Amino acid sequence: MSDREDAASSRFKCSVSERACFEAGIKMATIYHQFVGTPFCARNVADLERTIAECIRVQPYVEDAKVTIRGNTGNKEDQYSYTSLTGDMIDAAVTIAMDGTRVVAEMRFDKELDYPLMFISSVEKI
């Protein structure tokens, strides 16, 4: 670990697993709060998925990030034809790896709850 990582770690009064879950939550919140409202259309949906995932991958402890945008992406028929990203369109998975712990967090629209739910789907020692 670098001095900077040691300094950051010293500020957390929790287990490594708890911190990894915290880090995963930050990434999930970034996906939702940074990108909801982004305009796009069918022509550039793959670019937006890739951009969101790459923005998450540069953050601390991210091992992997995958984003899929579901639903009606709309065709660009004229200057006023586009879709704005909403939380119910986002399927995302982020993997955090730190100090021997791997956490996977996911976000997807939960029909039963009628809500774009973010949750921890696995925590494991590596």
Protein backbone atom coordinates (compact mmCIF):
# COMPACT_ATOMS: atom_id res chain seq x y z
CA MET A 1 0.00 0.00 0.00
CA SER A 2 1.15 3.54 -0.70
CA ASP A 3 1.36 6.22 1.97
CA ARG A 4 -1.73 7.80 0.49
CA GLU A 5 -3.68 4.52 0.68
CA ASP A 6 -2.49 3.99 4.26
CA ALA A 7 -3.64 7.48 5.19
CA ALA A 8 -7.06 6.90 3.63
CA SER A 9 -7.43 3.48 5.28
CA SER A 10 -6.63 4.91 8.70
CA ARG A 11 -9.75 7.08 8.52
CA PHE A 12 -12.13 4.13 8.21
CA LYS A 13 -13.29 2.61 11.50
CA CYS A 14 -14.81 -0.49 9.99
CA SER A 15 -13.85 -3.86 8.55
CA VAL A 16 -12.37 -4.26 5.06
CA SER A 17 -15.62 -5.91 3.92
CA GLU A 18 -17.65 -2.99 5.23
CA ARG A 19 -15.36 -0.52 3.51
CA ALA A 20 -15.55 -2.44 0.23
CA CYS A 21 -19.36 -2.27 0.47
CA PHE A 22 -19.10 1.46 1.17
CA GLU A 23 -16.88 1.90 -1.91
CA ALA A 24 -19.38 -0.06 -4.00
CA GLY A 25 -22.19 2.20 -2.78
CA ILE A 26 -20.26 5.28 -3.86
CA LYS A 27 -19.90 3.85 -7.35
CA MET A 28 -23.59 2.94 -7.58
CA ALA A 29 -24.58 6.44 -6.48
CA THR A 30 -22.23 7.91 -9.07
CA ILE A 31 -23.88 5.91 -11.85
CA TYR A 32 -27.32 7.07 -10.79
CA HIS A 33 -26.74 10.66 -9.76
CA GLN A 34 -24.15 11.62 -12.39
CA PHE A 35 -25.85 10.10 -15.40
CA VAL A 36 -29.63 10.15 -14.90
CA GLY A 37 -30.92 12.85 -17.20
CA THR A 38 -28.23 12.32 -19.84
CA PRO A 39 -29.70 12.72 -23.33
CA PHE A 40 -29.16 9.85 -25.78
CA CYS A 41 -30.76 7.96 -28.65
CA ALA A 42 -30.56 4.46 -30.13
CA ARG A 43 -27.56 5.48 -32.23
CA ASN A 44 -25.35 6.23 -29.21
CA VAL A 45 -26.72 4.01 -26.43
CA ALA A 46 -23.68 1.69 -26.62
CA ASP A 47 -21.38 4.72 -26.33
CA LEU A 48 -23.24 5.90 -23.22
CA GLU A 49 -23.07 2.42 -21.62
CA ARG A 50 -19.34 2.26 -22.30
CA THR A 51 -18.76 5.82 -21.05
CA ILE A 52 -20.57 5.22 -17.77
CA ALA A 53 -18.66 1.97 -17.17
CA GLU A 54 -15.30 3.58 -17.98
CA CYS A 55 -16.02 6.52 -15.66
CA ILE A 56 -16.63 4.04 -12.84
CA ARG A 57 -13.55 1.94 -13.69
CA VAL A 58 -11.18 4.85 -13.01
CA GLN A 59 -12.38 5.19 -9.41
CA PRO A 60 -10.53 3.57 -6.48
CA TYR A 61 -10.70 -0.21 -6.03
CA VAL A 62 -12.90 -0.90 -9.07
CA GLU A 63 -12.06 -4.25 -10.61
CA ASP A 64 -14.88 -4.18 -13.17
CA ALA A 65 -17.97 -2.23 -14.16
CA LYS A 66 -20.73 -3.18 -16.57
CA VAL A 67 -23.66 -1.02 -17.61
CA THR A 68 -26.63 -1.86 -19.81
CA ILE A 69 -29.37 0.59 -20.71
CA ARG A 70 -32.75 -1.05 -21.18
CA GLY A 71 -36.02 0.18 -22.58
CA ASN A 72 -37.01 2.53 -25.34
CA THR A 73 -33.89 4.31 -26.46
CA GLY A 74 -35.68 6.20 -29.20
CA ASN A 75 -34.62 6.97 -32.74
CA LYS A 76 -33.20 10.34 -33.74
CA GLU A 77 -35.93 11.21 -36.24
CA ASP A 78 -35.44 14.97 -35.99
CA GLN A 79 -33.64 17.60 -33.91
CA TYR A 80 -36.04 17.12 -30.98
CA SER A 81 -35.99 13.32 -30.86
CA TYR A 82 -33.97 11.88 -28.02
CA THR A 83 -34.45 10.10 -24.71
CA SER A 84 -33.26 11.17 -21.27
CA LEU A 85 -31.74 8.41 -19.15
CA THR A 86 -33.84 7.41 -16.14
CA GLY A 87 -32.98 5.14 -13.23
CA ASP A 88 -35.39 2.43 -14.36
CA MET A 89 -33.38 1.99 -17.59
CA ILE A 90 -30.06 1.20 -15.89
CA ASP A 91 -28.74 -2.29 -15.22
CA ALA A 92 -25.29 -2.03 -13.66
CA ALA A 93 -22.80 -4.24 -11.85
CA VAL A 94 -19.65 -2.97 -10.16
CA THR A 95 -16.94 -5.20 -8.69
CA ILE A 96 -14.74 -3.79 -5.94
CA ALA A 97 -11.55 -5.58 -4.87
CA MET A 98 -9.55 -4.43 -1.87
CA ASP A 99 -7.31 -6.03 0.71
CA GLY A 100 -8.44 -9.59 0.02
CA THR A 101 -12.16 -8.84 -0.29
CA ARG A 102 -14.30 -8.71 -3.42
CA VAL A 103 -17.74 -7.09 -3.40
CA VAL A 104 -20.23 -7.01 -6.25
CA ALA A 105 -22.92 -4.33 -6.18
CA GLU A 106 -25.76 -4.16 -8.66
CA MET A 107 -28.47 -1.78 -9.72
CA ARG A 108 -31.58 -2.71 -11.62
CA PHE A 109 -35.21 -1.76 -11.72
CA ASP A 110 -37.17 -3.95 -9.29
CA LYS A 111 -40.71 -4.35 -10.64
CA GLU A 112 -42.10 -5.55 -7.32
CA LEU A 113 -40.76 -2.46 -5.54
CA ASP A 114 -41.29 -0.19 -8.58
CA TYR A 115 -37.86 1.23 -7.83
CA PRO A 116 -34.32 1.25 -9.29
CA LEU A 117 -32.76 -0.76 -6.45
CA MET A 118 -29.04 -0.72 -5.64
CA PHE A 119 -27.84 -3.72 -3.63
CA ILE A 120 -24.83 -5.83 -2.66
CA SER A 121 -25.10 -9.17 -4.46
CA SER A 122 -21.94 -10.80 -3.12
CA VAL A 123 -19.10 -10.39 -0.64
CA GLU A 124 -16.22 -12.86 -0.72
CA LYS A 125 -12.67 -13.28 0.50
CA ILE A 126 -10.15 -13.56 -2.33
